[in-house]
Amino acid sequence: MHVGPVFGYAEKVMRCGGRFARLVGMAVDITRINPAELHRTPGYHHITVVEAGRTAFLAGQVPLDPSGALVGPDDLEAQIDQVAANAFAALSAVGAQPDQVVRSVIYVVTTDVAVLGAAWKRLNGSVIGPAFTTAATLLGVAQLGFTGQLVEVDLTAALPG
């Protein structure tokens, strides 16, 4: 394991059978690991370890605008963009950044693996993309809580000091 400063942040790099996890965070001790004995991942890590500290459990972030209206009926991409914006706002409200997320669960209304892959790709390219390098679960589901809702993201973050 390597520990060293990067732009005033702490960096950890852990090698596990040729695979490594890297974290840049603000006074939060998070280690992400992909053991060599487990399959390769498309960007997330099998294990996330957080040393003692504060934790924020965000409610599932949904594609509603500030007035409570559904954004993008029948438009998964528009809904993903709204969910990402809402999740970023929620993280910011507790002083967290997406790279401090230690667990994510993504729910998409679909049974199509290609749709799940497209949702994963769009979320990874969003403002909260670094959140999905951690322990992550992606699920296709039959229905979510709001009529017309196609996506929801549930995040847990390790908070600084």
N, C-alpha and C. Protein backbone atom coordinates (compact mmCIF):
# COMPACT_ATOMS: atom_id res chain seq x y z
N MET A 1 0.85 -1.17 0.00
CA MET A 1 0.00 0.00 0.00
C MET A 1 0.90 1.23 0.00
N HIS A 2 0.53 2.22 -0.81
CA HIS A 2 1.26 3.48 -0.89
C HIS A 2 0.39 4.59 -0.31
N VAL A 3 0.96 5.43 0.52
CA VAL A 3 0.24 6.57 1.06
C VAL A 3 1.09 7.81 0.81
N GLY A 4 0.50 8.83 0.22
CA GLY A 4 1.24 10.05 -0.05
C GLY A 4 0.30 11.19 -0.36
N PRO A 5 0.78 12.44 -0.24
CA PRO A 5 -0.08 13.59 -0.47
C PRO A 5 -0.29 13.84 -1.96
N VAL A 6 -1.49 14.24 -2.32
CA VAL A 6 -1.81 14.65 -3.68
C VAL A 6 -2.67 15.89 -3.58
N PHE A 7 -2.12 17.04 -3.93
CA PHE A 7 -2.86 18.30 -3.88
C PHE A 7 -3.54 18.52 -2.54
N GLY A 8 -2.86 18.20 -1.45
CA GLY A 8 -3.41 18.42 -0.12
C GLY A 8 -4.37 17.34 0.34
N TYR A 9 -4.56 16.31 -0.43
CA TYR A 9 -5.44 15.21 -0.08
C TYR A 9 -4.59 13.99 0.26
N ALA A 10 -5.20 13.02 0.90
CA ALA A 10 -4.50 11.76 1.16
C ALA A 10 -4.82 10.80 0.03
N GLU A 11 -3.82 10.08 -0.43
CA GLU A 11 -4.03 9.10 -1.49
C GLU A 11 -3.60 7.73 -1.00
N LYS A 12 -4.42 6.73 -1.29
CA LYS A 12 -4.06 5.35 -0.99
C LYS A 12 -4.14 4.55 -2.27
N VAL A 13 -3.15 3.75 -2.50
CA VAL A 13 -3.19 2.82 -3.61
C VAL A 13 -2.91 1.45 -3.03
N MET A 14 -3.81 0.51 -3.25
CA MET A 14 -3.64 -0.84 -2.73
C MET A 14 -3.59 -1.80 -3.91
N ARG A 15 -2.58 -2.61 -3.96
CA ARG A 15 -2.46 -3.59 -5.03
C ARG A 15 -2.98 -4.93 -4.53
N CYS A 16 -3.83 -5.54 -5.34
CA CYS A 16 -4.42 -6.84 -5.00
C CYS A 16 -4.32 -7.70 -6.25
N GLY A 17 -3.31 -8.54 -6.31
CA GLY A 17 -3.17 -9.41 -7.46
C GLY A 17 -3.11 -8.66 -8.78
N GLY A 18 -2.41 -7.55 -8.82
CA GLY A 18 -2.28 -6.77 -10.04
C GLY A 18 -3.37 -5.74 -10.24
N ARG A 19 -4.41 -5.80 -9.44
CA ARG A 19 -5.49 -4.81 -9.52
C ARG A 19 -5.29 -3.83 -8.37
N PHE A 20 -5.69 -2.58 -8.58
CA PHE A 20 -5.48 -1.63 -7.50
C PHE A 20 -6.68 -0.71 -7.34
N ALA A 21 -6.77 -0.17 -6.16
CA ALA A 21 -7.82 0.81 -5.85
C ALA A 21 -7.14 2.10 -5.46
N ARG A 22 -7.68 3.21 -5.90
CA ARG A 22 -7.09 4.51 -5.57
C ARG A 22 -8.17 5.39 -4.98
N LEU A 23 -7.82 6.11 -3.95
CA LEU A 23 -8.76 7.05 -3.35
C LEU A 23 -8.06 8.38 -3.15
N VAL A 24 -8.74 9.41 -3.53
CA VAL A 24 -8.32 10.75 -3.17
C VAL A 24 -9.49 11.32 -2.40
N GLY A 25 -9.31 11.65 -1.12
CA GLY A 25 -10.42 12.12 -0.30
C GLY A 25 -9.96 13.15 0.70
N MET A 26 -10.91 13.80 1.36
CA MET A 26 -10.62 14.85 2.31
C MET A 26 -10.74 14.31 3.73
N ALA A 27 -9.64 13.97 4.35
CA ALA A 27 -9.62 13.53 5.74
C ALA A 27 -10.58 12.37 6.00
N VAL A 28 -10.76 11.53 5.01
CA VAL A 28 -11.58 10.34 5.15
C VAL A 28 -10.71 9.16 4.75
N ASP A 29 -10.64 8.14 5.59
CA ASP A 29 -9.80 6.99 5.31
C ASP A 29 -10.66 5.90 4.67
N ILE A 30 -10.61 5.83 3.34
CA ILE A 30 -11.38 4.86 2.57
C ILE A 30 -10.41 4.04 1.74
N THR A 31 -10.56 2.74 1.78
CA THR A 31 -9.76 1.85 0.95
C THR A 31 -10.71 1.03 0.09
N ARG A 32 -10.44 0.97 -1.20
CA ARG A 32 -11.25 0.18 -2.13
C ARG A 32 -10.39 -0.95 -2.68
N ILE A 33 -10.95 -2.14 -2.70
CA ILE A 33 -10.16 -3.34 -3.01
C ILE A 33 -10.88 -4.21 -4.03
N ASN A 34 -10.13 -4.75 -4.97
CA ASN A 34 -10.58 -5.80 -5.87
C ASN A 34 -9.65 -7.00 -5.69
N PRO A 35 -10.04 -7.98 -4.85
CA PRO A 35 -9.18 -9.14 -4.64
C PRO A 35 -8.94 -9.90 -5.94
N ALA A 36 -7.74 -10.42 -6.12
CA ALA A 36 -7.39 -11.17 -7.31
C ALA A 36 -8.27 -12.41 -7.48
N GLU A 37 -8.82 -12.92 -6.40
CA GLU A 37 -9.64 -14.13 -6.45
C GLU A 37 -11.05 -13.88 -7.00
N LEU A 38 -11.44 -12.62 -7.15
CA LEU A 38 -12.77 -12.27 -7.65
C LEU A 38 -12.68 -11.75 -9.08
N HIS A 39 -13.79 -11.78 -9.80
CA HIS A 39 -13.83 -11.35 -11.21
C HIS A 39 -13.50 -9.87 -11.36
N ARG A 40 -13.01 -9.53 -12.54
CA ARG A 40 -12.75 -8.12 -12.87
C ARG A 40 -14.09 -7.39 -12.94
N THR A 41 -14.05 -6.10 -12.61
CA THR A 41 -15.27 -5.30 -12.61
C THR A 41 -15.22 -4.24 -13.70
N PRO A 42 -16.39 -3.72 -14.10
CA PRO A 42 -16.40 -2.64 -15.09
C PRO A 42 -16.27 -1.26 -14.44
N GLY A 43 -15.41 -1.15 -13.43
CA GLY A 43 -15.15 0.16 -12.84
C GLY A 43 -15.41 0.28 -11.36
N TYR A 44 -16.25 -0.58 -10.79
CA TYR A 44 -16.51 -0.51 -9.35
C TYR A 44 -15.52 -1.41 -8.61
N HIS A 45 -15.54 -1.39 -7.28
CA HIS A 45 -14.69 -2.25 -6.47
C HIS A 45 -15.55 -3.21 -5.66
N HIS A 46 -15.06 -4.43 -5.48
CA HIS A 46 -15.80 -5.44 -4.72
C HIS A 46 -15.94 -5.06 -3.25
N ILE A 47 -14.94 -4.42 -2.69
CA ILE A 47 -14.92 -4.14 -1.25
C ILE A 47 -14.55 -2.68 -1.02
N THR A 48 -15.26 -2.03 -0.11
CA THR A 48 -14.92 -0.69 0.33
C THR A 48 -14.83 -0.71 1.84
N VAL A 49 -13.69 -0.28 2.38
CA VAL A 49 -13.47 -0.26 3.82
C VAL A 49 -13.36 1.20 4.26
N VAL A 50 -14.14 1.58 5.26
CA VAL A 50 -14.10 2.93 5.81
C VAL A 50 -13.67 2.82 7.26
N GLU A 51 -12.60 3.52 7.62
CA GLU A 51 -12.19 3.56 9.01
C GLU A 51 -13.22 4.39 9.78
N ALA A 52 -13.23 4.26 11.09
CA ALA A 52 -14.24 4.94 11.92
C ALA A 52 -14.38 6.40 11.53
N GLY A 53 -15.60 6.88 11.54
CA GLY A 53 -15.88 8.26 11.20
C GLY A 53 -17.37 8.46 11.04
N ARG A 54 -17.73 9.58 10.43
CA ARG A 54 -19.14 9.88 10.21
C ARG A 54 -19.60 9.32 8.86
N THR A 55 -20.86 8.92 8.81
CA THR A 55 -21.41 8.34 7.59
C THR A 55 -22.74 9.02 7.27
N ALA A 56 -22.98 9.29 5.99
CA ALA A 56 -24.26 9.84 5.54
C ALA A 56 -24.97 8.79 4.70
N PHE A 57 -26.21 8.52 5.04
CA PHE A 57 -27.05 7.58 4.30
C PHE A 57 -28.09 8.42 3.55
N LEU A 58 -27.94 8.54 2.24
CA LEU A 58 -28.87 9.35 1.46
C LEU A 58 -30.10 8.52 1.12
N ALA A 59 -31.26 9.15 1.19
CA ALA A 59 -32.48 8.51 0.69
C ALA A 59 -32.29 8.29 -0.80
N GLY A 60 -33.02 7.34 -1.35
CA GLY A 60 -32.94 7.12 -2.79
C GLY A 60 -33.23 8.42 -3.53
N GLN A 61 -32.32 8.80 -4.42
CA GLN A 61 -32.48 10.04 -5.18
C GLN A 61 -33.28 9.73 -6.44
N VAL A 62 -34.33 10.50 -6.66
CA VAL A 62 -35.29 10.24 -7.71
C VAL A 62 -35.31 11.40 -8.71
N PRO A 63 -35.90 11.20 -9.90
CA PRO A 63 -35.89 12.23 -10.94
C PRO A 63 -36.99 13.27 -10.79
N LEU A 64 -37.05 13.89 -9.62
CA LEU A 64 -38.01 14.97 -9.39
C LEU A 64 -37.25 16.29 -9.33
N ASP A 65 -37.84 17.34 -9.92
CA ASP A 65 -37.23 18.66 -9.84
C ASP A 65 -37.57 19.29 -8.49
N PRO A 66 -37.03 20.48 -8.18
CA PRO A 66 -37.28 21.09 -6.87
C PRO A 66 -38.76 21.32 -6.54
N SER A 67 -39.61 21.42 -7.57
CA SER A 67 -41.04 21.60 -7.31
C SER A 67 -41.76 20.27 -7.05
N GLY A 68 -41.03 19.15 -7.24
CA GLY A 68 -41.63 17.84 -7.04
C GLY A 68 -42.19 17.21 -8.30
N ALA A 69 -41.97 17.85 -9.46
CA ALA A 69 -42.46 17.32 -10.73
C ALA A 69 -41.47 16.30 -11.30
N LEU A 70 -42.00 15.25 -11.90
CA LEU A 70 -41.17 14.24 -12.56
C LEU A 70 -40.49 14.86 -13.77
N VAL A 71 -39.18 14.68 -13.88
CA VAL A 71 -38.41 15.15 -15.03
C VAL A 71 -38.33 14.02 -16.05
N GLY A 72 -38.54 14.34 -17.31
CA GLY A 72 -38.34 13.38 -18.39
C GLY A 72 -39.22 12.15 -18.37
N PRO A 73 -40.54 12.31 -18.35
CA PRO A 73 -41.38 11.11 -18.45
C PRO A 73 -40.99 10.29 -19.69
N ASP A 74 -40.80 8.99 -19.52
CA ASP A 74 -40.41 8.08 -20.60
C ASP A 74 -39.04 8.40 -21.20
N ASP A 75 -38.18 9.14 -20.50
CA ASP A 75 -36.85 9.51 -21.00
C ASP A 75 -35.82 9.15 -19.94
N LEU A 76 -35.25 7.95 -20.06
CA LEU A 76 -34.30 7.46 -19.05
C LEU A 76 -33.10 8.39 -18.90
N GLU A 77 -32.56 8.88 -20.02
CA GLU A 77 -31.38 9.75 -19.93
C GLU A 77 -31.68 11.03 -19.15
N ALA A 78 -32.81 11.66 -19.43
CA ALA A 78 -33.18 12.89 -18.71
C ALA A 78 -33.37 12.59 -17.22
N GLN A 79 -33.97 11.44 -16.93
CA GLN A 79 -34.17 11.08 -15.52
C GLN A 79 -32.85 10.79 -14.83
N ILE A 80 -31.93 10.13 -15.51
CA ILE A 80 -30.60 9.88 -14.92
C ILE A 80 -29.90 11.20 -14.63
N ASP A 81 -29.98 12.14 -15.56
CA ASP A 81 -29.33 13.44 -15.36
C ASP A 81 -29.92 14.15 -14.13
N GLN A 82 -31.24 14.08 -13.95
CA GLN A 82 -31.87 14.72 -12.79
C GLN A 82 -31.48 14.01 -11.50
N VAL A 83 -31.46 12.68 -11.53
CA VAL A 83 -31.05 11.91 -10.35
C VAL A 83 -29.62 12.27 -9.97
N ALA A 84 -28.73 12.37 -10.96
CA ALA A 84 -27.33 12.72 -10.69
C ALA A 84 -27.24 14.12 -10.07
N ALA A 85 -27.99 15.06 -10.61
CA ALA A 85 -27.98 16.43 -10.06
C ALA A 85 -28.51 16.44 -8.63
N ASN A 86 -29.58 15.69 -8.38
CA ASN A 86 -30.15 15.63 -7.03
C ASN A 86 -29.18 14.97 -6.06
N ALA A 87 -28.53 13.89 -6.49
CA ALA A 87 -27.58 13.20 -5.62
C ALA A 87 -26.39 14.10 -5.31
N PHE A 88 -25.91 14.84 -6.30
CA PHE A 88 -24.79 15.77 -6.07
C PHE A 88 -25.20 16.83 -5.06
N ALA A 89 -26.42 17.36 -5.19
CA ALA A 89 -26.90 18.37 -4.23
C ALA A 89 -27.00 17.79 -2.83
N ALA A 90 -27.48 16.56 -2.71
CA ALA A 90 -27.60 15.92 -1.40
C ALA A 90 -26.23 15.70 -0.78
N LEU A 91 -25.28 15.21 -1.58
CA LEU A 91 -23.91 15.03 -1.07
C LEU A 91 -23.32 16.37 -0.63
N SER A 92 -23.48 17.39 -1.45
CA SER A 92 -22.95 18.72 -1.12
C SER A 92 -23.55 19.26 0.17
N ALA A 93 -24.81 18.96 0.42
CA ALA A 93 -25.48 19.45 1.63
C ALA A 93 -24.84 18.94 2.91
N VAL A 94 -24.14 17.80 2.82
CA VAL A 94 -23.46 17.25 4.00
C VAL A 94 -21.95 17.38 3.88
N GLY A 95 -21.47 18.18 2.93
CA GLY A 95 -20.04 18.42 2.78
C GLY A 95 -19.29 17.26 2.16
N ALA A 96 -19.97 16.42 1.39
CA ALA A 96 -19.32 15.25 0.78
C ALA A 96 -19.18 15.45 -0.72
N GLN A 97 -18.24 14.74 -1.29
CA GLN A 97 -18.00 14.70 -2.72
C GLN A 97 -18.32 13.29 -3.23
N PRO A 98 -18.57 13.12 -4.53
CA PRO A 98 -18.87 11.79 -5.06
C PRO A 98 -17.80 10.74 -4.78
N ASP A 99 -16.53 11.15 -4.69
CA ASP A 99 -15.48 10.15 -4.41
C ASP A 99 -15.48 9.68 -2.96
N GLN A 100 -16.36 10.24 -2.13
CA GLN A 100 -16.48 9.79 -0.75
C GLN A 100 -17.65 8.83 -0.57
N VAL A 101 -18.34 8.51 -1.66
CA VAL A 101 -19.40 7.50 -1.62
C VAL A 101 -18.74 6.14 -1.43
N VAL A 102 -19.29 5.35 -0.51
CA VAL A 102 -18.71 4.03 -0.21
C VAL A 102 -19.65 2.89 -0.59
N ARG A 103 -20.88 3.21 -1.01
CA ARG A 103 -21.83 2.18 -1.42
C ARG A 103 -22.88 2.83 -2.29
N SER A 104 -23.20 2.18 -3.41
CA SER A 104 -24.27 2.69 -4.27
C SER A 104 -25.15 1.54 -4.73
N VAL A 105 -26.44 1.84 -4.83
CA VAL A 105 -27.40 0.90 -5.41
C VAL A 105 -28.19 1.68 -6.45
N ILE A 106 -28.22 1.16 -7.66
CA ILE A 106 -28.90 1.81 -8.78
C ILE A 106 -30.06 0.92 -9.20
N TYR A 107 -31.24 1.50 -9.25
CA TYR A 107 -32.45 0.79 -9.66
C TYR A 107 -32.92 1.37 -10.99
N VAL A 108 -33.14 0.51 -11.98
CA VAL A 108 -33.63 0.95 -13.28
C VAL A 108 -34.82 0.08 -13.66
N VAL A 109 -35.90 0.71 -14.10
CA VAL A 109 -37.08 -0.04 -14.52
C VAL A 109 -36.80 -0.63 -15.90
N THR A 110 -36.39 -1.90 -15.90
CA THR A 110 -36.09 -2.61 -17.15
C THR A 110 -35.78 -4.07 -16.86
N THR A 111 -35.91 -4.89 -17.89
CA THR A 111 -35.41 -6.26 -17.84
C THR A 111 -34.35 -6.45 -18.92
N ASP A 112 -33.96 -5.36 -19.58
CA ASP A 112 -33.02 -5.39 -20.69
C ASP A 112 -31.61 -5.05 -20.20
N VAL A 113 -30.70 -5.99 -20.37
CA VAL A 113 -29.31 -5.80 -19.93
C VAL A 113 -28.66 -4.62 -20.65
N ALA A 114 -29.00 -4.39 -21.90
CA ALA A 114 -28.43 -3.26 -22.64
C ALA A 114 -28.87 -1.92 -22.02
N VAL A 115 -30.10 -1.84 -21.57
CA VAL A 115 -30.59 -0.62 -20.91
C VAL A 115 -29.85 -0.41 -19.60
N LEU A 116 -29.63 -1.49 -18.85
CA LEU A 116 -28.86 -1.39 -17.61
C LEU A 116 -27.45 -0.88 -17.90
N GLY A 117 -26.82 -1.42 -18.94
CA GLY A 117 -25.47 -0.98 -19.31
C GLY A 117 -25.43 0.48 -19.70
N ALA A 118 -26.44 0.93 -20.44
CA ALA A 118 -26.50 2.34 -20.85
C ALA A 118 -26.70 3.25 -19.64
N ALA A 119 -27.52 2.81 -18.69
CA ALA A 119 -27.73 3.60 -17.47
C ALA A 119 -26.43 3.70 -16.68
N TRP A 120 -25.72 2.58 -16.54
CA TRP A 120 -24.44 2.54 -15.83
C TRP A 120 -23.45 3.51 -16.49
N LYS A 121 -23.37 3.46 -17.81
CA LYS A 121 -22.43 4.32 -18.54
C LYS A 121 -22.78 5.80 -18.34
N ARG A 122 -24.06 6.15 -18.42
CA ARG A 122 -24.45 7.55 -18.27
C ARG A 122 -24.17 8.04 -16.85
N LEU A 123 -24.48 7.22 -15.85
CA LEU A 123 -24.20 7.62 -14.46
C LEU A 123 -22.70 7.80 -14.24
N ASN A 124 -21.89 6.91 -14.81
CA ASN A 124 -20.44 7.03 -14.66
C ASN A 124 -19.89 8.27 -15.33
N GLY A 125 -20.57 8.78 -16.35
CA GLY A 125 -20.15 9.99 -17.03
C GLY A 125 -20.75 11.26 -16.44
N SER A 126 -21.53 11.11 -15.39
CA SER A 126 -22.23 12.25 -14.79
C SER A 126 -21.39 12.94 -13.72
N VAL A 127 -21.95 13.99 -13.15
CA VAL A 127 -21.29 14.75 -12.08
C VAL A 127 -21.01 13.87 -10.86
N ILE A 128 -21.74 12.78 -10.69
CA ILE A 128 -21.51 11.88 -9.55
C ILE A 128 -20.78 10.60 -9.99
N GLY A 129 -20.19 10.60 -11.17
CA GLY A 129 -19.50 9.43 -11.69
C GLY A 129 -18.54 8.76 -10.72
N PRO A 130 -17.70 9.52 -9.99
CA PRO A 130 -16.77 8.88 -9.05
C PRO A 130 -17.45 8.05 -7.97
N ALA A 131 -18.73 8.28 -7.72
CA ALA A 131 -19.45 7.50 -6.71
C ALA A 131 -19.55 6.03 -7.09
N PHE A 132 -19.44 5.72 -8.37
CA PHE A 132 -19.66 4.36 -8.83
C PHE A 132 -18.38 3.55 -8.98
N THR A 133 -17.27 4.07 -8.44
CA THR A 133 -16.03 3.29 -8.41
C THR A 133 -15.97 2.45 -7.14
N THR A 134 -16.93 2.61 -6.27
CA THR A 134 -16.98 1.94 -4.98
C THR A 134 -17.81 0.67 -5.08
N ALA A 135 -18.13 0.07 -3.95
CA ALA A 135 -19.02 -1.09 -3.93
C ALA A 135 -20.36 -0.65 -4.54
N ALA A 136 -20.77 -1.31 -5.62
CA ALA A 136 -21.95 -0.86 -6.35
C ALA A 136 -22.82 -2.04 -6.74
N THR A 137 -24.13 -1.79 -6.77
CA THR A 137 -25.10 -2.78 -7.24
C THR A 137 -26.00 -2.10 -8.26
N LEU A 138 -26.22 -2.77 -9.39
CA LEU A 138 -27.09 -2.28 -10.45
C LEU A 138 -28.20 -3.30 -10.65
N LEU A 139 -29.45 -2.84 -10.50
CA LEU A 139 -30.60 -3.74 -10.55
C LEU A 139 -31.63 -3.29 -11.57
N GLY A 140 -32.17 -4.24 -12.32
CA GLY A 140 -33.36 -4.01 -13.13
C GLY A 140 -34.56 -4.38 -12.29
N VAL A 141 -35.56 -3.49 -12.22
CA VAL A 141 -36.73 -3.72 -11.38
C VAL A 141 -38.01 -3.50 -12.19
N ALA A 142 -39.13 -3.97 -11.64
CA ALA A 142 -40.42 -3.86 -12.32
C ALA A 142 -41.04 -2.47 -12.18
N GLN A 143 -40.85 -1.84 -11.02
CA GLN A 143 -41.50 -0.55 -10.78
C GLN A 143 -40.79 0.17 -9.65
N LEU A 144 -40.84 1.51 -9.69
CA LEU A 144 -40.32 2.34 -8.61
C LEU A 144 -41.47 3.16 -8.02
N GLY A 145 -41.18 4.00 -7.04
CA GLY A 145 -42.20 4.62 -6.22
C GLY A 145 -43.09 5.68 -6.84
N PHE A 146 -42.62 6.40 -7.87
CA PHE A 146 -43.42 7.45 -8.49
C PHE A 146 -43.89 6.99 -9.86
N THR A 147 -45.10 7.33 -10.23
CA THR A 147 -45.62 7.00 -11.55
C THR A 147 -44.69 7.59 -12.61
N GLY A 148 -44.23 6.76 -13.54
CA GLY A 148 -43.35 7.21 -14.61
C GLY A 148 -41.87 7.23 -14.25
N GLN A 149 -41.54 6.96 -13.01
CA GLN A 149 -40.13 6.96 -12.58
C GLN A 149 -39.41 5.75 -13.17
N LEU A 150 -38.23 6.00 -13.77
CA LEU A 150 -37.46 4.94 -14.41
C LEU A 150 -36.15 4.61 -13.71
N VAL A 151 -35.69 5.48 -12.80
CA VAL A 151 -34.38 5.28 -12.17
C VAL A 151 -34.37 5.88 -10.76
N GLU A 152 -33.57 5.26 -9.89
CA GLU A 152 -33.35 5.76 -8.54
C GLU A 152 -31.94 5.34 -8.12
N VAL A 153 -31.26 6.21 -7.39
CA VAL A 153 -29.90 5.92 -6.92
C VAL A 153 -29.85 6.13 -5.41
N ASP A 154 -29.36 5.12 -4.71
CA ASP A 154 -29.23 5.11 -3.25
C ASP A 154 -27.73 5.15 -2.93
N LEU A 155 -27.28 6.16 -2.18
CA LEU A 155 -25.86 6.34 -1.89
C LEU A 155 -25.59 6.39 -0.39
N THR A 156 -24.43 5.88 0.00
CA THR A 156 -23.90 6.01 1.35
C THR A 156 -22.52 6.63 1.22
N ALA A 157 -22.24 7.67 2.01
CA ALA A 157 -20.96 8.38 1.91
C ALA A 157 -20.26 8.46 3.26
N ALA A 158 -18.93 8.36 3.22
CA ALA A 158 -18.09 8.58 4.40
C ALA A 158 -17.77 10.07 4.43
N LEU A 159 -18.05 10.71 5.56
CA LEU A 159 -17.88 12.15 5.67
C LEU A 159 -16.55 12.52 6.32
N PRO A 160 -15.98 13.65 5.90
CA PRO A 160 -14.75 14.11 6.54
C PRO A 160 -15.01 14.52 7.99
N GLY A 161 -13.98 14.26 8.83
CA GLY A 161 -13.94 14.65 10.23
C GLY A 161 -15.24 14.77 10.87
